[in-house]
């Protein structure tokens, strides 16, 4: 949530969502 929040604050919402997804993918791996 904090990554998404920072992304929203700085106008990089898509990048933040992508970053969260990539972290989750790595966790799954």
ModelCIF file with pLDDT and N, C-alpha, C, O atoms, coordinates in Angstrom:
data_MODEL
#
_entry.id   MODEL 
#
_entity.id                         1 
_entity.type                       polymer 
_entity.pdbx_number_of_molecules   1 
#
_entity_poly.entity_id                      1 
_entity_poly.type                           'polypeptide(L)' 
_entity_poly.nstd_linkage                   no 
_entity_poly.nstd_monomer                   no 
_entity_poly.pdbx_seq_one_letter_code       
;(UNK)(UNK)(UNK)(UNK)(UNK)(UNK)(UNK)(UNK)(UNK)(UNK)(UNK)(UNK)(UNK)(UNK)(UNK)(UNK)
(UNK)(UNK)(UNK)(UNK)(UNK)(UNK)(UNK)(UNK)(UNK)(UNK)(UNK)(UNK)(UNK)
;
_entity_poly.pdbx_seq_one_letter_code_can   XXXXXXXXXXXXXXXXXXXXXXXXXXXXX 
_entity_poly.pdbx_strand_id                 A 
#
loop_
_entity_poly_seq.entity_id 
_entity_poly_seq.num 
_entity_poly_seq.mon_id 
_entity_poly_seq.hetero 
1 1  UNK n 
1 2  UNK n 
1 3  UNK n 
1 4  UNK n 
1 5  UNK n 
1 6  UNK n 
1 7  UNK n 
1 8  UNK n 
1 9  UNK n 
1 10 UNK n 
1 11 UNK n 
1 12 UNK n 
1 13 UNK n 
1 14 UNK n 
1 15 UNK n 
1 16 UNK n 
1 17 UNK n 
1 18 UNK n 
1 19 UNK n 
1 20 UNK n 
1 21 UNK n 
1 22 UNK n 
1 23 UNK n 
1 24 UNK n 
1 25 UNK n 
1 26 UNK n 
1 27 UNK n 
1 28 UNK n 
1 29 UNK n 
#
_struct_asym.id          A 
_struct_asym.entity_id   1 
#
loop_
_ma_qa_metric.id 
_ma_qa_metric.mode 
_ma_qa_metric.name 
_ma_qa_metric.software_group_id 
_ma_qa_metric.type 
1 global pLDDT . pLDDT 
2 local  pLDDT . pLDDT 
#
_ma_qa_metric_global.metric_id      1 
_ma_qa_metric_global.metric_value   97.38 
_ma_qa_metric_global.model_id       1 
_ma_qa_metric_global.ordinal_id     1 
#
loop_
_ma_qa_metric_local.label_asym_id 
_ma_qa_metric_local.label_comp_id 
_ma_qa_metric_local.label_seq_id 
_ma_qa_metric_local.metric_id 
_ma_qa_metric_local.metric_value 
_ma_qa_metric_local.model_id 
_ma_qa_metric_local.ordinal_id 
A UNK 1  2 98.00 1 1  
A UNK 2  2 97.00 1 2  
A UNK 3  2 98.00 1 3  
A UNK 4  2 98.00 1 4  
A UNK 5  2 97.00 1 5  
A UNK 6  2 97.00 1 6  
A UNK 7  2 97.00 1 7  
A UNK 8  2 96.00 1 8  
A UNK 9  2 95.00 1 9  
A UNK 10 2 95.00 1 10 
A UNK 11 2 95.00 1 11 
A UNK 12 2 96.00 1 12 
A UNK 13 2 97.00 1 13 
A UNK 14 2 98.00 1 14 
A UNK 15 2 98.00 1 15 
A UNK 16 2 98.00 1 16 
A UNK 17 2 98.00 1 17 
A UNK 18 2 98.00 1 18 
A UNK 19 2 98.00 1 19 
A UNK 20 2 98.00 1 20 
A UNK 21 2 98.00 1 21 
A UNK 22 2 98.00 1 22 
A UNK 23 2 98.00 1 23 
A UNK 24 2 98.00 1 24 
A UNK 25 2 98.00 1 25 
A UNK 26 2 98.00 1 26 
A UNK 27 2 98.00 1 27 
A UNK 28 2 98.00 1 28 
A UNK 29 2 98.00 1 29 
#
loop_
_atom_site.group_PDB 
_atom_site.id 
_atom_site.type_symbol 
_atom_site.label_atom_id 
_atom_site.label_alt_id 
_atom_site.label_comp_id 
_atom_site.label_asym_id 
_atom_site.label_entity_id 
_atom_site.label_seq_id 
_atom_site.pdbx_PDB_ins_code 
_atom_site.Cartn_x 
_atom_site.Cartn_y 
_atom_site.Cartn_z 
_atom_site.occupancy 
_atom_site.B_iso_or_equiv 
_atom_site.pdbx_formal_charge 
_atom_site.auth_seq_id 
_atom_site.auth_comp_id 
_atom_site.auth_asym_id 
_atom_site.auth_atom_id 
_atom_site.pdbx_PDB_model_num 
ATOM 1   N N  . UNK A 1 1  ? 0.830  -1.210  0.000   1.00 98.00 ? 1  UNK A N  1 
ATOM 2   C CA . UNK A 1 1  ? 0.000  0.000   0.000   1.00 98.00 ? 1  UNK A CA 1 
ATOM 3   C C  . UNK A 1 1  ? 0.866  1.262   0.000   1.00 98.00 ? 1  UNK A C  1 
ATOM 4   O O  . UNK A 1 1  ? 0.532  2.250   -0.656  1.00 98.00 ? 1  UNK A O  1 
ATOM 5   N N  . UNK A 1 2  ? 1.978  1.224   0.739   1.00 97.00 ? 2  UNK A N  1 
ATOM 6   C CA . UNK A 1 2  ? 2.823  2.425   0.815   1.00 97.00 ? 2  UNK A CA 1 
ATOM 7   C C  . UNK A 1 2  ? 3.514  2.689   -0.528  1.00 97.00 ? 2  UNK A C  1 
ATOM 8   O O  . UNK A 1 2  ? 3.723  3.842   -0.903  1.00 97.00 ? 2  UNK A O  1 
ATOM 9   N N  . UNK A 1 3  ? 3.866  1.627   -1.244  1.00 98.00 ? 3  UNK A N  1 
ATOM 10  C CA . UNK A 1 3  ? 4.456  1.809   -2.587  1.00 98.00 ? 3  UNK A CA 1 
ATOM 11  C C  . UNK A 1 3  ? 3.415  2.468   -3.508  1.00 98.00 ? 3  UNK A C  1 
ATOM 12  O O  . UNK A 1 3  ? 3.718  3.400   -4.252  1.00 98.00 ? 3  UNK A O  1 
ATOM 13  N N  . UNK A 1 4  ? 2.183  1.952   -3.432  1.00 98.00 ? 4  UNK A N  1 
ATOM 14  C CA . UNK A 1 4  ? 1.089  2.517   -4.250  1.00 98.00 ? 4  UNK A CA 1 
ATOM 15  C C  . UNK A 1 4  ? 0.833  3.987   -3.867  1.00 98.00 ? 4  UNK A C  1 
ATOM 16  O O  . UNK A 1 4  ? 0.590  4.832   -4.729  1.00 98.00 ? 4  UNK A O  1 
ATOM 17  N N  . UNK A 1 5  ? 0.893  4.267   -2.572  1.00 97.00 ? 5  UNK A N  1 
ATOM 18  C CA . UNK A 1 5  ? 0.641  5.630   -2.085  1.00 97.00 ? 5  UNK A CA 1 
ATOM 19  C C  . UNK A 1 5  ? 1.709  6.594   -2.614  1.00 97.00 ? 5  UNK A C  1 
ATOM 20  O O  . UNK A 1 5  ? 1.391  7.689   -3.077  1.00 97.00 ? 5  UNK A O  1 
ATOM 21  N N  . UNK A 1 6  ? 2.965  6.180   -2.542  1.00 97.00 ? 6  UNK A N  1 
ATOM 22  C CA . UNK A 1 6  ? 4.053  7.029   -3.046  1.00 97.00 ? 6  UNK A CA 1 
ATOM 23  C C  . UNK A 1 6  ? 3.906  7.217   -4.555  1.00 97.00 ? 6  UNK A C  1 
ATOM 24  O O  . UNK A 1 6  ? 4.115  8.311   -5.079  1.00 97.00 ? 6  UNK A O  1 
ATOM 25  N N  . UNK A 1 7  ? 3.544  6.140   -5.242  1.00 97.00 ? 7  UNK A N  1 
ATOM 26  C CA . UNK A 1 7  ? 3.318  6.233   -6.692  1.00 97.00 ? 7  UNK A CA 1 
ATOM 27  C C  . UNK A 1 7  ? 2.239  7.247   -7.042  1.00 97.00 ? 7  UNK A C  1 
ATOM 28  O O  . UNK A 1 7  ? 2.390  8.030   -7.980  1.00 97.00 ? 7  UNK A O  1 
ATOM 29  N N  . UNK A 1 8  ? 1.151  7.228   -6.282  1.00 96.00 ? 8  UNK A N  1 
ATOM 30  C CA . UNK A 1 8  ? 0.054  8.168   -6.501  1.00 96.00 ? 8  UNK A CA 1 
ATOM 31  C C  . UNK A 1 8  ? 0.507  9.608   -6.252  1.00 96.00 ? 8  UNK A C  1 
ATOM 32  O O  . UNK A 1 8  ? 0.181  10.518  -7.014  1.00 96.00 ? 8  UNK A O  1 
ATOM 33  N N  . UNK A 1 9  ? 1.267  9.792   -5.166  1.00 95.00 ? 9  UNK A N  1 
ATOM 34  C CA . UNK A 1 9  ? 1.747  11.133  -4.808  1.00 95.00 ? 9  UNK A CA 1 
ATOM 35  C C  . UNK A 1 9  ? 2.604  11.760  -5.901  1.00 95.00 ? 9  UNK A C  1 
ATOM 36  O O  . UNK A 1 9  ? 2.551  12.968  -6.132  1.00 95.00 ? 9  UNK A O  1 
ATOM 37  N N  . UNK A 1 10 ? 3.396  10.922  -6.573  1.00 95.00 ? 10 UNK A N  1 
ATOM 38  C CA . UNK A 1 10 ? 4.357  11.482  -7.542  1.00 95.00 ? 10 UNK A CA 1 
ATOM 39  C C  . UNK A 1 10 ? 3.927  11.264  -8.990  1.00 95.00 ? 10 UNK A C  1 
ATOM 40  O O  . UNK A 1 10 ? 4.721  11.436  -9.916  1.00 95.00 ? 10 UNK A O  1 
ATOM 41  N N  . UNK A 1 11 ? 2.659  10.883  -9.176  1.00 95.00 ? 11 UNK A N  1 
ATOM 42  C CA . UNK A 1 11 ? 2.150  10.746  -10.539 1.00 95.00 ? 11 UNK A CA 1 
ATOM 43  C C  . UNK A 1 11 ? 2.704  9.537   -11.281 1.00 95.00 ? 11 UNK A C  1 
ATOM 44  O O  . UNK A 1 11 ? 2.834  9.557   -12.505 1.00 95.00 ? 11 UNK A O  1 
ATOM 45  N N  . UNK A 1 12 ? 3.034  8.474   -10.527 1.00 96.00 ? 12 UNK A N  1 
ATOM 46  C CA . UNK A 1 12 ? 3.560  7.263   -11.176 1.00 96.00 ? 12 UNK A CA 1 
ATOM 47  C C  . UNK A 1 12 ? 2.771  6.046   -10.681 1.00 96.00 ? 12 UNK A C  1 
ATOM 48  O O  . UNK A 1 12 ? 3.335  5.064   -10.198 1.00 96.00 ? 12 UNK A O  1 
ATOM 49  N N  . UNK A 1 13 ? 1.463  6.148   -10.818 1.00 97.00 ? 13 UNK A N  1 
ATOM 50  C CA . UNK A 1 13 ? 0.599  5.081   -10.305 1.00 97.00 ? 13 UNK A CA 1 
ATOM 51  C C  . UNK A 1 13 ? 0.816  3.764   -11.019 1.00 97.00 ? 13 UNK A C  1 
ATOM 52  O O  . UNK A 1 13 ? 0.860  2.707   -10.389 1.00 97.00 ? 13 UNK A O  1 
ATOM 53  N N  . UNK A 1 14 ? 0.952  3.826   -12.349 1.00 98.00 ? 14 UNK A N  1 
ATOM 54  C CA . UNK A 1 14 ? 1.140  2.581   -13.104 1.00 98.00 ? 14 UNK A CA 1 
ATOM 55  C C  . UNK A 1 14 ? 2.458  1.920   -12.729 1.00 98.00 ? 14 UNK A C  1 
ATOM 56  O O  . UNK A 1 14 ? 2.524  0.706   -12.537 1.00 98.00 ? 14 UNK A O  1 
ATOM 57  N N  . UNK A 1 15 ? 3.517  2.741   -12.626 1.00 98.00 ? 15 UNK A N  1 
ATOM 58  C CA . UNK A 1 15 ? 4.838  2.197   -12.265 1.00 98.00 ? 15 UNK A CA 1 
ATOM 59  C C  . UNK A 1 15 ? 4.789  1.539   -10.886 1.00 98.00 ? 15 UNK A C  1 
ATOM 60  O O  . UNK A 1 15 ? 5.420  0.507   -10.656 1.00 98.00 ? 15 UNK A O  1 
ATOM 61  N N  . UNK A 1 16 ? 4.020  2.159   -9.963  1.00 98.00 ? 16 UNK A N  1 
ATOM 62  C CA . UNK A 1 16 ? 3.916  1.606   -8.606  1.00 98.00 ? 16 UNK A CA 1 
ATOM 63  C C  . UNK A 1 16 ? 3.179  0.269   -8.631  1.00 98.00 ? 16 UNK A C  1 
ATOM 64  O O  . UNK A 1 16 ? 3.581  -0.678  -7.955  1.00 98.00 ? 16 UNK A O  1 
ATOM 65  N N  . UNK A 1 17 ? 2.105  0.192   -9.409  1.00 98.00 ? 17 UNK A N  1 
ATOM 66  C CA . UNK A 1 17 ? 1.352  -1.067  -9.526  1.00 98.00 ? 17 UNK A CA 1 
ATOM 67  C C  . UNK A 1 17 ? 2.239  -2.151  -10.137 1.00 98.00 ? 17 UNK A C  1 
ATOM 68  O O  . UNK A 1 17 ? 2.236  -3.298  -9.690  1.00 98.00 ? 17 UNK A O  1 
ATOM 69  N N  . UNK A 1 18 ? 2.996  -1.772  -11.161 1.00 98.00 ? 18 UNK A N  1 
ATOM 70  C CA . UNK A 1 18 ? 3.915  -2.737  -11.807 1.00 98.00 ? 18 UNK A CA 1 
ATOM 71  C C  . UNK A 1 18 ? 4.974  -3.225  -10.819 1.00 98.00 ? 18 UNK A C  1 
ATOM 72  O O  . UNK A 1 18 ? 5.329  -4.403  -10.805 1.00 98.00 ? 18 UNK A O  1 
ATOM 73  N N  . UNK A 1 19 ? 5.476  -2.296  -9.989  1.00 98.00 ? 19 UNK A N  1 
ATOM 74  C CA . UNK A 1 19 ? 6.498  -2.659  -9.011  1.00 98.00 ? 19 UNK A CA 1 
ATOM 75  C C  . UNK A 1 19 ? 5.937  -3.647  -7.983  1.00 98.00 ? 19 UNK A C  1 
ATOM 76  O O  . UNK A 1 19 ? 6.580  -4.643  -7.654  1.00 98.00 ? 19 UNK A O  1 
ATOM 77  N N  . UNK A 1 20 ? 4.747  -3.364  -7.486  1.00 98.00 ? 20 UNK A N  1 
ATOM 78  C CA . UNK A 1 20 ? 4.113  -4.276  -6.521  1.00 98.00 ? 20 UNK A CA 1 
ATOM 79  C C  . UNK A 1 20 ? 3.911  -5.652  -7.166  1.00 98.00 ? 20 UNK A C  1 
ATOM 80  O O  . UNK A 1 20 ? 4.176  -6.677  -6.538  1.00 98.00 ? 20 UNK A O  1 
ATOM 81  N N  . UNK A 1 21 ? 3.445  -5.673  -8.413  1.00 98.00 ? 21 UNK A N  1 
ATOM 82  C CA . UNK A 1 21 ? 3.241  -6.954  -9.114  1.00 98.00 ? 21 UNK A CA 1 
ATOM 83  C C  . UNK A 1 21 ? 4.546  -7.725  -9.254  1.00 98.00 ? 21 UNK A C  1 
ATOM 84  O O  . UNK A 1 21 ? 4.578  -8.945  -9.087  1.00 98.00 ? 21 UNK A O  1 
ATOM 85  N N  . UNK A 1 22 ? 5.625  -7.006  -9.561  1.00 98.00 ? 22 UNK A N  1 
ATOM 86  C CA . UNK A 1 22 ? 6.900  -7.702  -9.767  1.00 98.00 ? 22 UNK A CA 1 
ATOM 87  C C  . UNK A 1 22 ? 7.434  -8.267  -8.440  1.00 98.00 ? 22 UNK A C  1 
ATOM 88  O O  . UNK A 1 22 ? 8.051  -9.332  -8.415  1.00 98.00 ? 22 UNK A O  1 
ATOM 89  N N  . UNK A 1 23 ? 7.188  -7.541  -7.342  1.00 98.00 ? 23 UNK A N  1 
ATOM 90  C CA . UNK A 1 23 ? 7.597  -8.056  -6.017  1.00 98.00 ? 23 UNK A CA 1 
ATOM 91  C C  . UNK A 1 23 ? 6.795  -9.329  -5.701  1.00 98.00 ? 23 UNK A C  1 
ATOM 92  O O  . UNK A 1 23 ? 7.352  -10.328 -5.246  1.00 98.00 ? 23 UNK A O  1 
ATOM 93  N N  . UNK A 1 24 ? 5.483  -9.275  -5.951  1.00 98.00 ? 24 UNK A N  1 
ATOM 94  C CA . UNK A 1 24 ? 4.638  -10.446 -5.672  1.00 98.00 ? 24 UNK A CA 1 
ATOM 95  C C  . UNK A 1 24 ? 5.049  -11.643 -6.536  1.00 98.00 ? 24 UNK A C  1 
ATOM 96  O O  . UNK A 1 24 ? 5.046  -12.783 -6.071  1.00 98.00 ? 24 UNK A O  1 
ATOM 97  N N  . UNK A 1 25 ? 5.403  -11.372 -7.792  1.00 98.00 ? 25 UNK A N  1 
ATOM 98  C CA . UNK A 1 25 ? 5.836  -12.461 -8.675  1.00 98.00 ? 25 UNK A CA 1 
ATOM 99  C C  . UNK A 1 25 ? 7.113  -13.113 -8.168  1.00 98.00 ? 25 UNK A C  1 
ATOM 100 O O  . UNK A 1 25 ? 7.260  -14.335 -8.190  1.00 98.00 ? 25 UNK A O  1 
ATOM 101 N N  . UNK A 1 26 ? 8.033  -12.271 -7.711  1.00 98.00 ? 26 UNK A N  1 
ATOM 102 C CA . UNK A 1 26 ? 9.300  -12.792 -7.172  1.00 98.00 ? 26 UNK A CA 1 
ATOM 103 C C  . UNK A 1 26 ? 9.031  -13.616 -5.911  1.00 98.00 ? 26 UNK A C  1 
ATOM 104 O O  . UNK A 1 26 ? 9.632  -14.672 -5.715  1.00 98.00 ? 26 UNK A O  1 
ATOM 105 N N  . UNK A 1 27 ? 8.130  -13.129 -5.061  1.00 98.00 ? 27 UNK A N  1 
ATOM 106 C CA . UNK A 1 27 ? 7.754  -13.883 -3.860  1.00 98.00 ? 27 UNK A CA 1 
ATOM 107 C C  . UNK A 1 27 ? 7.218  -15.271 -4.248  1.00 98.00 ? 27 UNK A C  1 
ATOM 108 O O  . UNK A 1 27 ? 7.591  -16.283 -3.656  1.00 98.00 ? 27 UNK A O  1 
ATOM 109 N N  . UNK A 1 28 ? 6.339  -15.292 -5.253  1.00 98.00 ? 28 UNK A N  1 
ATOM 110 C CA . UNK A 1 28 ? 5.748  -16.568 -5.690  1.00 98.00 ? 28 UNK A CA 1 
ATOM 111 C C  . UNK A 1 28 ? 6.813  -17.531 -6.199  1.00 98.00 ? 28 UNK A C  1 
ATOM 112 O O  . UNK A 1 28 ? 6.785  -18.730 -5.919  1.00 98.00 ? 28 UNK A O  1 
ATOM 113 N N  . UNK A 1 29 ? 7.746  -16.971 -6.952  1.00 98.00 ? 29 UNK A N  1 
ATOM 114 C CA . UNK A 1 29 ? 8.845  -17.766 -7.515  1.00 98.00 ? 29 UNK A CA 1 
ATOM 115 C C  . UNK A 1 29 ? 9.645  -18.449 -6.389  1.00 98.00 ? 29 UNK A C  1 
ATOM 116 O O  . UNK A 1 29 ? 10.610 -19.163 -6.662  1.00 98.00 ? 29 UNK A O  1 
#
